[in-house]
């Protein structure tokens, strides 16, 4: 599923759910959108809620950490 919202500068964001998301339990998923200098992350069940923003190099270091769980 892809949803579009603004990056804050007027350009649209294209949100993607992980291919590992379990469609039978949509309460445990995040969505990610990328722009040139930022990786945007949000809770898929609260798309209007808070978004996290990471620098691409920070995101690259973060993903292996959270995927260990």
PDB file of N, CA and C in Angstrom:
ATOM      1  N   UNK A   1       0.841  -1.171   0.000  1.00  0.00           N
ATOM      2  CA  UNK A   1       0.000   0.000   0.000  1.00  0.00           C
ATOM      3  C   UNK A   1       0.890   1.239   0.000  1.00  0.00           C
ATOM      4  N   UNK A   2       0.551   2.202  -0.800  1.00  0.00           N
ATOM      5  CA  UNK A   2       1.297   3.451  -0.870  1.00  0.00           C
ATOM      6  C   UNK A   2       0.340   4.588  -0.562  1.00  0.00           C
ATOM      7  N   UNK A   3       0.756   5.473   0.331  1.00  0.00           N
ATOM      8  CA  UNK A   3      -0.023   6.673   0.637  1.00  0.00           C
ATOM      9  C   UNK A   3       0.868   7.867   0.399  1.00  0.00           C
ATOM     10  N   UNK A   4       0.289   8.959  -0.098  1.00  0.00           N
ATOM     11  CA  UNK A   4       1.087  10.150  -0.347  1.00  0.00           C
ATOM     12  C   UNK A   4       0.692  11.268   0.604  1.00  0.00           C
ATOM     13  N   UNK A   5       1.686  11.904   1.197  1.00  0.00           N
ATOM     14  CA  UNK A   5       1.508  13.100   2.007  1.00  0.00           C
ATOM     15  C   UNK A   5       2.661  14.025   1.684  1.00  0.00           C
ATOM     16  N   UNK A   6       2.710  15.162   2.320  1.00  0.00           N
ATOM     17  CA  UNK A   6       3.729  16.159   2.013  1.00  0.00           C
ATOM     18  C   UNK A   6       4.997  15.961   2.826  1.00  0.00           C
ATOM     19  N   UNK A   7       6.124  16.290   2.207  1.00  0.00           N
ATOM     20  CA  UNK A   7       7.420  16.233   2.881  1.00  0.00           C
ATOM     21  C   UNK A   7       7.670  17.495   3.695  1.00  0.00           C
ATOM     22  N   UNK A   8       6.732  18.414   3.714  1.00  0.00           N
ATOM     23  CA  UNK A   8       6.910  19.661   4.447  1.00  0.00           C
ATOM     24  C   UNK A   8       7.353  20.786   3.536  1.00  0.00           C
ATOM     25  N   UNK A   9       7.890  20.448   2.381  1.00  0.00           N
ATOM     26  CA  UNK A   9       8.308  21.459   1.424  1.00  0.00           C
ATOM     27  C   UNK A   9       7.358  21.495   0.231  1.00  0.00           C
ATOM     28  N   UNK A  10       6.212  20.838   0.378  1.00  0.00           N
ATOM     29  CA  UNK A  10       5.218  20.809  -0.685  1.00  0.00           C
ATOM     30  C   UNK A  10       5.330  19.595  -1.596  1.00  0.00           C
ATOM     31  N   UNK A  11       6.453  18.913  -1.571  1.00  0.00           N
ATOM     32  CA  UNK A  11       6.596  17.732  -2.424  1.00  0.00           C
ATOM     33  C   UNK A  11       5.928  16.535  -1.750  1.00  0.00           C
ATOM     34  N   UNK A  12       5.321  15.661  -2.540  1.00  0.00           N
ATOM     35  CA  UNK A  12       4.617  14.515  -1.942  1.00  0.00           C
ATOM     36  C   UNK A  12       5.583  13.436  -1.453  1.00  0.00           C
ATOM     37  N   UNK A  13       5.166  12.758  -0.391  1.00  0.00           N
ATOM     38  CA  UNK A  13       5.895  11.588   0.095  1.00  0.00           C
ATOM     39  C   UNK A  13       5.157  10.352  -0.381  1.00  0.00           C
ATOM     40  N   UNK A  14       5.887   9.333  -0.766  1.00  0.00           N
ATOM     41  CA  UNK A  14       5.297   8.044  -1.125  1.00  0.00           C
ATOM     42  C   UNK A  14       5.648   7.058  -0.010  1.00  0.00           C
ATOM     43  N   UNK A  15       4.633   6.684   0.750  1.00  0.00           N
ATOM     44  CA  UNK A  15       4.819   5.811   1.916  1.00  0.00           C
ATOM     45  C   UNK A  15       4.715   4.355   1.499  1.00  0.00           C
ATOM     46  N   UNK A  16       5.619   3.532   2.047  1.00  0.00           N
ATOM     47  CA  UNK A  16       5.651   2.107   1.761  1.00  0.00           C
ATOM     48  C   UNK A  16       5.625   1.319   3.066  1.00  0.00           C
ATOM     49  N   UNK A  17       4.876   0.231   3.068  1.00  0.00           N
ATOM     50  CA  UNK A  17       4.928  -0.714   4.179  1.00  0.00           C
ATOM     51  C   UNK A  17       5.965  -1.771   3.847  1.00  0.00           C
ATOM     52  N   UNK A  18       6.551  -2.337   4.856  1.00  0.00           N
ATOM     53  CA  UNK A  18       7.528  -3.398   4.671  1.00  0.00           C
ATOM     54  C   UNK A  18       6.889  -4.607   4.004  1.00  0.00           C
ATOM     55  N   UNK A  19       7.651  -5.260   3.153  1.00  0.00           N
ATOM     56  CA  UNK A  19       7.170  -6.500   2.549  1.00  0.00           C
ATOM     57  C   UNK A  19       7.048  -7.604   3.593  1.00  0.00           C
ATOM     58  N   UNK A  20       7.646  -7.399   4.768  1.00  0.00           N
ATOM     59  CA  UNK A  20       7.556  -8.360   5.862  1.00  0.00           C
ATOM     60  C   UNK A  20       6.322  -8.136   6.728  1.00  0.00           C
ATOM     61  N   UNK A  21       5.532  -7.097   6.435  1.00  0.00           N
ATOM     62  CA  UNK A  21       4.341  -6.815   7.230  1.00  0.00           C
ATOM     63  C   UNK A  21       3.356  -7.962   7.121  1.00  0.00           C
ATOM     64  N   UNK A  22       2.772  -8.298   8.231  1.00  0.00           N
ATOM     65  CA  UNK A  22       1.760  -9.350   8.289  1.00  0.00           C
ATOM     66  C   UNK A  22       0.404  -8.695   8.061  1.00  0.00           C
ATOM     67  N   UNK A  23      -0.190  -8.908   6.916  1.00  0.00           N
ATOM     68  CA  UNK A  23      -1.459  -8.253   6.596  1.00  0.00           C
ATOM     69  C   UNK A  23      -2.586  -8.653   7.534  1.00  0.00           C
ATOM     70  N   UNK A  24      -2.447  -9.770   8.254  1.00  0.00           N
ATOM     71  CA  UNK A  24      -3.486 -10.176   9.195  1.00  0.00           C
ATOM     72  C   UNK A  24      -3.381  -9.423  10.518  1.00  0.00           C
ATOM     73  N   UNK A  25      -2.256  -8.713  10.744  1.00  0.00           N
ATOM     74  CA  UNK A  25      -2.079  -7.949  11.975  1.00  0.00           C
ATOM     75  C   UNK A  25      -1.510  -6.579  11.625  1.00  0.00           C
ATOM     76  N   UNK A  26      -2.376  -5.701  11.154  1.00  0.00           N
ATOM     77  CA  UNK A  26      -1.923  -4.389  10.692  1.00  0.00           C
ATOM     78  C   UNK A  26      -1.549  -3.451  11.832  1.00  0.00           C
ATOM     79  N   UNK A  27      -1.654  -3.889  13.086  1.00  0.00           N
ATOM     80  CA  UNK A  27      -1.307  -3.047  14.225  1.00  0.00           C
ATOM     81  C   UNK A  27       0.185  -3.021  14.509  1.00  0.00           C
ATOM     82  N   UNK A  28       0.968  -3.795  13.797  1.00  0.00           N
ATOM     83  CA  UNK A  28       2.393  -3.880  14.075  1.00  0.00           C
ATOM     84  C   UNK A  28       3.222  -3.530  12.852  1.00  0.00           C
ATOM     85  N   UNK A  29       3.010  -2.355  12.310  1.00  0.00           N
ATOM     86  CA  UNK A  29       3.727  -2.000  11.097  1.00  0.00           C
ATOM     87  C   UNK A  29       4.069  -0.515  11.084  1.00  0.00           C
ATOM     88  N   UNK A  30       5.186  -0.225  10.480  1.00  0.00           N
ATOM     89  CA  UNK A  30       5.553   1.156  10.218  1.00  0.00           C
ATOM     90  C   UNK A  30       5.570   1.353   8.712  1.00  0.00           C
ATOM     91  N   UNK A  31       5.484   2.601   8.309  1.00  0.00           N
ATOM     92  CA  UNK A  31       5.602   2.965   6.905  1.00  0.00           C
ATOM     93  C   UNK A  31       6.810   3.876   6.769  1.00  0.00           C
ATOM     94  N   UNK A  32       7.463   3.792   5.629  1.00  0.00           N
ATOM     95  CA  UNK A  32       8.677   4.558   5.370  1.00  0.00           C
ATOM     96  C   UNK A  32       8.510   5.304   4.053  1.00  0.00           C
ATOM     97  N   UNK A  33       8.998   6.540   4.029  1.00  0.00           N
ATOM     98  CA  UNK A  33       9.070   7.329   2.799  1.00  0.00           C
ATOM     99  C   UNK A  33      10.451   7.975   2.756  1.00  0.00           C
ATOM    100  N   UNK A  34      11.031   8.032   1.579  1.00  0.00           N
ATOM    101  CA  UNK A  34      12.368   8.616   1.471  1.00  0.00           C
ATOM    102  C   UNK A  34      12.349   9.844   0.580  1.00  0.00           C
ATOM    103  N   UNK A  35      13.175  10.799   0.958  1.00  0.00           N
ATOM    104  CA  UNK A  35      13.456  11.957   0.122  1.00  0.00           C
ATOM    105  C   UNK A  35      14.972  12.005  -0.019  1.00  0.00           C
ATOM    106  N   UNK A  36      15.474  12.962  -0.736  1.00  0.00           N
ATOM    107  CA  UNK A  36      16.900  13.015  -1.016  1.00  0.00           C
ATOM    108  C   UNK A  36      17.752  12.964   0.247  1.00  0.00           C
ATOM    109  N   UNK A  37      17.384  13.706   1.293  1.00  0.00           N
ATOM    110  CA  UNK A  37      18.212  13.758   2.480  1.00  0.00           C
ATOM    111  C   UNK A  37      17.578  13.240   3.741  1.00  0.00           C
ATOM    112  N   UNK A  38      16.395  12.597   3.637  1.00  0.00           N
ATOM    113  CA  UNK A  38      15.673  12.201   4.846  1.00  0.00           C
ATOM    114  C   UNK A  38      14.919  10.900   4.627  1.00  0.00           C
ATOM    115  N   UNK A  39      14.896  10.068   5.665  1.00  0.00           N
ATOM    116  CA  UNK A  39      14.037   8.888   5.700  1.00  0.00           C
ATOM    117  C   UNK A  39      12.942   9.187   6.719  1.00  0.00           C
ATOM    118  N   UNK A  40      11.697   9.189   6.274  1.00  0.00           N
ATOM    119  CA  UNK A  40      10.542   9.489   7.121  1.00  0.00           C
ATOM    120  C   UNK A  40       9.929   8.172   7.569  1.00  0.00           C
ATOM    121  N   UNK A  41       9.545   8.083   8.841  1.00  0.00           N
ATOM    122  CA  UNK A  41       8.960   6.862   9.393  1.00  0.00           C
ATOM    123  C   UNK A  41       7.729   7.246  10.201  1.00  0.00           C
ATOM    124  N   UNK A  42       6.656   6.452  10.043  1.00  0.00           N
ATOM    125  CA  UNK A  42       5.437   6.699  10.817  1.00  0.00           C
ATOM    126  C   UNK A  42       4.756   5.382  11.140  1.00  0.00           C
ATOM    127  N   UNK A  43       3.864   5.434  12.105  1.00  0.00           N
ATOM    128  CA  UNK A  43       3.058   4.291  12.521  1.00  0.00           C
ATOM    129  C   UNK A  43       1.933   4.122  11.503  1.00  0.00           C
ATOM    130  N   UNK A  44       1.802   2.947  10.926  1.00  0.00           N
ATOM    131  CA  UNK A  44       0.809   2.739   9.875  1.00  0.00           C
ATOM    132  C   UNK A  44      -0.632   2.827  10.374  1.00  0.00           C
ATOM    133  N   UNK A  45      -0.853   2.635  11.673  1.00  0.00           N
ATOM    134  CA  UNK A  45      -2.224   2.730  12.186  1.00  0.00           C
ATOM    135  C   UNK A  45      -2.560   4.133  12.682  1.00  0.00           C
ATOM    136  N   UNK A  46      -1.589   5.047  12.618  1.00  0.00           N
ATOM    137  CA  UNK A  46      -1.814   6.433  13.023  1.00  0.00           C
ATOM    138  C   UNK A  46      -1.078   7.349  12.041  1.00  0.00           C
ATOM    139  N   UNK A  47      -1.540   7.357  10.805  1.00  0.00           N
ATOM    140  CA  UNK A  47      -0.825   8.073   9.742  1.00  0.00           C
ATOM    141  C   UNK A  47      -0.794   9.585   9.933  1.00  0.00           C
ATOM    142  N   UNK A  48      -1.704  10.111  10.725  1.00  0.00           N
ATOM    143  CA  UNK A  48      -1.708  11.552  11.000  1.00  0.00           C
ATOM    144  C   UNK A  48      -0.866  11.905  12.219  1.00  0.00           C
ATOM    145  N   UNK A  49      -0.331  10.892  12.896  1.00  0.00           N
ATOM    146  CA  UNK A  49       0.440  11.098  14.116  1.00  0.00           C
ATOM    147  C   UNK A  49       1.869  11.549  13.849  1.00  0.00           C
ATOM    148  N   UNK A  50       2.668  11.427  14.862  1.00  0.00           N
ATOM    149  CA  UNK A  50       4.066  11.851  14.817  1.00  0.00           C
ATOM    150  C   UNK A  50       4.854  11.041  13.799  1.00  0.00           C
ATOM    151  N   UNK A  51       5.738  11.741  13.101  1.00  0.00           N
ATOM    152  CA  UNK A  51       6.654  11.087  12.173  1.00  0.00           C
ATOM    153  C   UNK A  51       8.073  11.257  12.686  1.00  0.00           C
ATOM    154  N   UNK A  52       8.859  10.216  12.533  1.00  0.00           N
ATOM    155  CA  UNK A  52      10.284  10.316  12.822  1.00  0.00           C
ATOM    156  C   UNK A  52      11.002  10.607  11.521  1.00  0.00           C
ATOM    157  N   UNK A  53      12.093  11.351  11.620  1.00  0.00           N
ATOM    158  CA  UNK A  53      12.899  11.653  10.440  1.00  0.00           C
ATOM    159  C   UNK A  53      14.347  11.327  10.753  1.00  0.00           C
ATOM    160  N   UNK A  54      14.968  10.578   9.870  1.00  0.00           N
ATOM    161  CA  UNK A  54      16.348  10.160  10.039  1.00  0.00           C
ATOM    162  C   UNK A  54      17.178  10.627   8.853  1.00  0.00           C
ATOM    163  N   UNK A  55      18.429  10.966   9.119  1.00  0.00           N
ATOM    164  CA  UNK A  55      19.392  11.143   8.036  1.00  0.00           C
ATOM    165  C   UNK A  55      19.635   9.758   7.451  1.00  0.00           C
ATOM    166  N   UNK A  56      19.867   9.644   6.151  1.00  0.00           N
ATOM    167  CA  UNK A  56      20.048   8.325   5.545  1.00  0.00           C
ATOM    168  C   UNK A  56      21.125   7.467   6.216  1.00  0.00           C
ATOM    169  N   UNK A  57      22.252   8.052   6.601  1.00  0.00           N
ATOM    170  CA  UNK A  57      23.303   7.256   7.235  1.00  0.00           C
ATOM    171  C   UNK A  57      22.876   6.761   8.623  1.00  0.00           C
ATOM    172  N   UNK A  58      22.081   7.538   9.324  1.00  0.00           N
ATOM    173  CA  UNK A  58      21.552   7.111  10.624  1.00  0.00           C
ATOM    174  C   UNK A  58      20.567   5.968  10.433  1.00  0.00           C
ATOM    175  N   UNK A  59      19.717   6.051   9.430  1.00  0.00           N
ATOM    176  CA  UNK A  59      18.747   4.996   9.138  1.00  0.00           C
ATOM    177  C   UNK A  59      19.461   3.678   8.819  1.00  0.00           C
ATOM    178  N   UNK A  60      20.533   3.751   8.053  1.00  0.00           N
ATOM    179  CA  UNK A  60      21.289   2.551   7.695  1.00  0.00           C
ATOM    180  C   UNK A  60      21.851   1.864   8.939  1.00  0.00           C
ATOM    181  N   UNK A  61      22.262   2.642   9.932  1.00  0.00           N
ATOM    182  CA  UNK A  61      22.765   2.050  11.178  1.00  0.00           C
ATOM    183  C   UNK A  61      21.629   1.589  12.094  1.00  0.00           C
ATOM    184  N   UNK A  62      20.479   2.222  12.014  1.00  0.00           N
ATOM    185  CA  UNK A  62      19.335   1.919  12.871  1.00  0.00           C
ATOM    186  C   UNK A  62      18.649   0.604  12.498  1.00  0.00           C
ATOM    187  N   UNK A  63      18.447   0.354  11.225  1.00  0.00           N
ATOM    188  CA  UNK A  63      17.687  -0.810  10.779  1.00  0.00           C
ATOM    189  C   UNK A  63      18.249  -2.140  11.281  1.00  0.00           C
ATOM    190  N   UNK A  64      19.547  -2.405  11.190  1.00  0.00           N
ATOM    191  CA  UNK A  64      20.035  -3.674  11.729  1.00  0.00           C
ATOM    192  C   UNK A  64      19.806  -3.802  13.244  1.00  0.00           C
ATOM    193  N   UNK A  65      19.870  -2.684  13.952  1.00  0.00           N
ATOM    194  CA  UNK A  65      19.639  -2.703  15.406  1.00  0.00           C
ATOM    195  C   UNK A  65      18.221  -3.160  15.735  1.00  0.00           C
ATOM    196  N   UNK A  66      17.224  -2.599  15.070  1.00  0.00           N
ATOM    197  CA  UNK A  66      15.835  -2.961  15.396  1.00  0.00           C
ATOM    198  C   UNK A  66      15.431  -4.303  14.807  1.00  0.00           C
ATOM    199  N   UNK A  67      16.099  -4.755  13.788  1.00  0.00           N
ATOM    200  CA  UNK A  67      15.734  -6.039  13.193  1.00  0.00           C
ATOM    201  C   UNK A  67      16.302  -7.233  13.951  1.00  0.00           C
ATOM    202  N   UNK A  68      17.129  -6.980  14.960  1.00  0.00           N
ATOM    203  CA  UNK A  68      17.667  -8.064  15.781  1.00  0.00           C
ATOM    204  C   UNK A  68      16.598  -8.693  16.670  1.00  0.00           C
ATOM    205  N   UNK A  69      15.579  -7.880  17.053  1.00  0.00           N
ATOM    206  CA  UNK A  69      14.575  -8.286  18.015  1.00  0.00           C
ATOM    207  C   UNK A  69      13.757  -9.409  17.628  1.00  0.00           C
TER     208      UNK A  69
END
